[in-house]
C-alpha atoms as a PDB file:
ATOM      1  CA  UNK A   1      20.710 -15.547 -23.188  1.00  0.00           C
ATOM      2  CA  UNK A   2      18.400 -15.258 -20.178  1.00  0.00           C
ATOM      3  CA  UNK A   3      21.180 -16.317 -17.803  1.00  0.00           C
ATOM      4  CA  UNK A   4      23.158 -13.252 -18.933  1.00  0.00           C
ATOM      5  CA  UNK A   5      20.138 -11.004 -18.795  1.00  0.00           C
ATOM      6  CA  UNK A   6      17.409 -10.188 -21.388  1.00  0.00           C
ATOM      7  CA  UNK A   7      19.872  -8.158 -23.516  1.00  0.00           C
ATOM      8  CA  UNK A   8      22.491 -10.870 -23.599  1.00  0.00           C
ATOM      9  CA  UNK A   9      26.239 -10.428 -23.701  1.00  0.00           C
ATOM     10  CA  UNK A  10      26.042  -8.327 -26.824  1.00  0.00           C
ATOM     11  CA  UNK A  11      23.263  -6.045 -25.734  1.00  0.00           C
ATOM     12  CA  UNK A  12      23.284  -2.228 -26.300  1.00  0.00           C
ATOM     13  CA  UNK A  13      25.072  -1.579 -22.991  1.00  0.00           C
ATOM     14  CA  UNK A  14      27.981  -3.951 -23.528  1.00  0.00           C
ATOM     15  CA  UNK A  15      30.837  -2.406 -25.384  1.00  0.00           C
ATOM     16  CA  UNK A  16      33.768  -4.848 -25.073  1.00  0.00           C
ATOM     17  CA  UNK A  17      35.594  -5.348 -21.737  1.00  0.00           C
ATOM     18  CA  UNK A  18      33.715  -2.734 -19.810  1.00  0.00           C
ATOM     19  CA  UNK A  19      30.200  -1.387 -20.054  1.00  0.00           C
ATOM     20  CA  UNK A  20      29.130   2.247 -19.505  1.00  0.00           C
ATOM     21  CA  UNK A  21      28.770   1.770 -15.599  1.00  0.00           C
ATOM     22  CA  UNK A  22      32.343   0.649 -15.189  1.00  0.00           C
ATOM     23  CA  UNK A  23      31.352  -3.004 -14.593  1.00  0.00           C
ATOM     24  CA  UNK A  24      34.090  -5.247 -15.909  1.00  0.00           C
ATOM     25  CA  UNK A  25      32.339  -8.626 -15.791  1.00  0.00           C
ATOM     26  CA  UNK A  26      28.561  -8.685 -15.993  1.00  0.00           C
ATOM     27  CA  UNK A  27      28.392 -12.404 -15.141  1.00  0.00           C
ATOM     28  CA  UNK A  28      28.752 -11.391 -11.343  1.00  0.00           C
ATOM     29  CA  UNK A  29      25.343  -9.884 -11.575  1.00  0.00           C
ATOM     30  CA  UNK A  30      21.929 -11.562 -11.816  1.00  0.00           C
ATOM     31  CA  UNK A  31      20.598 -14.737 -10.188  1.00  0.00           C
ATOM     32  CA  UNK A  32      23.064 -16.993  -8.370  1.00  0.00           C
ATOM     33  CA  UNK A  33      21.536 -20.328  -9.064  1.00  0.00           C
ATOM     34  CA  UNK A  34      23.866 -22.159  -6.702  1.00  0.00           C
ATOM     35  CA  UNK A  35      22.564 -20.073  -3.817  1.00  0.00           C
ATOM     36  CA  UNK A  36      19.028 -20.509  -4.914  1.00  0.00           C
ATOM     37  CA  UNK A  37      19.609 -24.362  -4.486  1.00  0.00           C
ATOM     38  CA  UNK A  38      21.273 -23.874  -0.981  1.00  0.00           C
ATOM     39  CA  UNK A  39      18.586 -24.958   1.447  1.00  0.00           C
ATOM     40  CA  UNK A  40      20.208 -23.400   4.478  1.00  0.00           C
ATOM     41  CA  UNK A  41      20.619 -19.920   2.832  1.00  0.00           C
ATOM     42  CA  UNK A  42      17.047 -19.994   1.328  1.00  0.00           C
ATOM     43  CA  UNK A  43      15.599 -21.168   4.648  1.00  0.00           C
ATOM     44  CA  UNK A  44      17.088 -18.161   6.315  1.00  0.00           C
ATOM     45  CA  UNK A  45      15.715 -15.981   3.460  1.00  0.00           C
ATOM     46  CA  UNK A  46      12.195 -17.415   3.795  1.00  0.00           C
ATOM     47  CA  UNK A  47      12.288 -17.107   7.620  1.00  0.00           C
ATOM     48  CA  UNK A  48      12.870 -13.383   7.413  1.00  0.00           C
ATOM     49  CA  UNK A  49      10.837 -12.775   4.218  1.00  0.00           C
ATOM     50  CA  UNK A  50       7.688 -14.853   4.811  1.00  0.00           C
ATOM     51  CA  UNK A  51       5.739 -13.681   1.731  1.00  0.00           C
ATOM     52  CA  UNK A  52       6.477 -16.101  -1.031  1.00  0.00           C
ATOM     53  CA  UNK A  53       4.999 -15.269  -4.430  1.00  0.00           C
ATOM     54  CA  UNK A  54       4.325 -17.739  -7.110  1.00  0.00           C
ATOM     55  CA  UNK A  55       5.546 -15.410  -9.706  1.00  0.00           C
ATOM     56  CA  UNK A  56       8.908 -13.862  -8.641  1.00  0.00           C
ATOM     57  CA  UNK A  57       8.277 -10.779 -10.793  1.00  0.00           C
ATOM     58  CA  UNK A  58       4.893  -9.972  -9.374  1.00  0.00           C
ATOM     59  CA  UNK A  59       4.613  -7.089  -6.863  1.00  0.00           C
ATOM     60  CA  UNK A  60       1.090  -8.142  -5.833  1.00  0.00           C
ATOM     61  CA  UNK A  61       0.610  -9.402  -2.269  1.00  0.00           C
ATOM     62  CA  UNK A  62      -0.064 -13.102  -1.807  1.00  0.00           C
ATOM     63  CA  UNK A  63      -3.383 -12.420  -0.022  1.00  0.00           C
ATOM     64  CA  UNK A  64      -5.340  -9.206   0.110  1.00  0.00           C
ATOM     65  CA  UNK A  65      -5.360  -7.367   3.509  1.00  0.00           C
ATOM     66  CA  UNK A  66      -8.306  -7.408   5.619  1.00  0.00           C
ATOM     67  CA  UNK A  67      -9.274  -4.022   6.968  1.00  0.00           C
ATOM     68  CA  UNK A  68     -11.283  -4.225  10.125  1.00  0.00           C
ATOM     69  CA  UNK A  69     -13.130  -0.968  10.853  1.00  0.00           C
ATOM     70  CA  UNK A  70     -14.382  -0.846  14.478  1.00  0.00           C
ATOM     71  CA  UNK A  71     -16.941   1.973  15.034  1.00  0.00           C
ATOM     72  CA  UNK A  72     -15.729   4.584  17.444  1.00  0.00           C
ATOM     73  CA  UNK A  73     -17.320   4.843  20.898  1.00  0.00           C
ATOM     74  CA  UNK A  74     -20.013   7.449  20.576  1.00  0.00           C
ATOM     75  CA  UNK A  75     -20.964   9.340  23.711  1.00  0.00           C
ATOM     76  CA  UNK A  76     -24.473  10.268  22.196  1.00  0.00           C
ATOM     77  CA  UNK A  77     -27.588   8.411  22.914  1.00  0.00           C
ATOM     78  CA  UNK A  78     -29.842   7.396  19.964  1.00  0.00           C
ATOM     79  CA  UNK A  79     -32.131  10.285  20.849  1.00  0.00           C
ATOM     80  CA  UNK A  80     -29.305  12.837  20.678  1.00  0.00           C
ATOM     81  CA  UNK A  81     -28.059  11.383  17.383  1.00  0.00           C
ATOM     82  CA  UNK A  82     -31.626  11.847  16.014  1.00  0.00           C
ATOM     83  CA  UNK A  83     -31.612  15.476  17.195  1.00  0.00           C
ATOM     84  CA  UNK A  84     -28.207  16.034  15.659  1.00  0.00           C
ATOM     85  CA  UNK A  85     -29.336  14.638  12.294  1.00  0.00           C
ATOM     86  CA  UNK A  86     -32.566  16.619  12.285  1.00  0.00           C
ATOM     87  CA  UNK A  87     -30.627  19.934  13.002  1.00  0.00           C
ATOM     88  CA  UNK A  88     -28.025  19.226  10.274  1.00  0.00           C
ATOM     89  CA  UNK A  89     -30.692  18.381   7.641  1.00  0.00           C
ATOM     90  CA  UNK A  90     -32.444  21.655   8.460  1.00  0.00           C
ATOM     91  CA  UNK A  91     -29.144  23.529   8.131  1.00  0.00           C
ATOM     92  CA  UNK A  92     -27.940  22.313   4.680  1.00  0.00           C
ATOM     93  CA  UNK A  93     -28.055  19.505   2.102  1.00  0.00           C
ATOM     94  CA  UNK A  94     -26.118  16.788   3.994  1.00  0.00           C
ATOM     95  CA  UNK A  95     -25.700  14.910   0.546  1.00  0.00           C
ATOM     96  CA  UNK A  96     -23.776  17.726  -0.913  1.00  0.00           C
ATOM     97  CA  UNK A  97     -20.289  17.113  -2.239  1.00  0.00           C
ATOM     98  CA  UNK A  98     -19.353  20.764  -1.784  1.00  0.00           C
ATOM     99  CA  UNK A  99     -16.469  21.095   0.689  1.00  0.00           C
ATOM    100  CA  UNK A 100     -17.858  24.406   1.865  1.00  0.00           C
ATOM    101  CA  UNK A 101     -21.220  22.831   2.674  1.00  0.00           C
ATOM    102  CA  UNK A 102     -19.479  19.905   4.327  1.00  0.00           C
ATOM    103  CA  UNK A 103     -17.268  22.310   6.493  1.00  0.00           C
ATOM    104  CA  UNK A 104     -20.497  24.159   7.610  1.00  0.00           C
ATOM    105  CA  UNK A 105     -22.097  20.880   8.563  1.00  0.00           C
ATOM    106  CA  UNK A 106     -19.147  19.698  10.522  1.00  0.00           C
ATOM    107  CA  UNK A 107     -18.955  23.010  12.335  1.00  0.00           C
ATOM    108  CA  UNK A 108     -22.611  22.939  13.191  1.00  0.00           C
ATOM    109  CA  UNK A 109     -22.339  19.283  14.337  1.00  0.00           C
ATOM    110  CA  UNK A 110     -19.454  20.219  16.675  1.00  0.00           C
ATOM    111  CA  UNK A 111     -21.588  23.096  18.125  1.00  0.00           C
ATOM    112  CA  UNK A 112     -24.579  20.876  18.655  1.00  0.00           C
ATOM    113  CA  UNK A 113     -22.538  18.027  20.107  1.00  0.00           C
ATOM    114  CA  UNK A 114     -20.871  20.587  22.578  1.00  0.00           C
ATOM    115  CA  UNK A 115     -24.361  21.677  23.642  1.00  0.00           C
ATOM    116  CA  UNK A 116     -25.646  18.067  24.099  1.00  0.00           C
ATOM    117  CA  UNK A 117     -22.738  16.886  26.157  1.00  0.00           C
END
């Protein structure tokens, strides 16, 4: 039954000689086991599709991606950063989750940085 699909030959979509999609012979669809045993063909497949999963039905990656975050080059010296932080803390609650507060902080930070540089 599994070779002919999980529904088998007498499944709900099979109604005699032709199914609802106009396919006359469903045996042409599915896994071609002869091709799966062909080393040349499978070698070509694995060369161009290097990720091989243990479970063929899994969509999870074989290994998790590593995300490397390099800090941007900051033109400010440590003293300037301390001044910026001090001014922003005086302006508003820098821990606020309000987007209006965050936008105000970003605008002030841009203004301060423009003056420092």
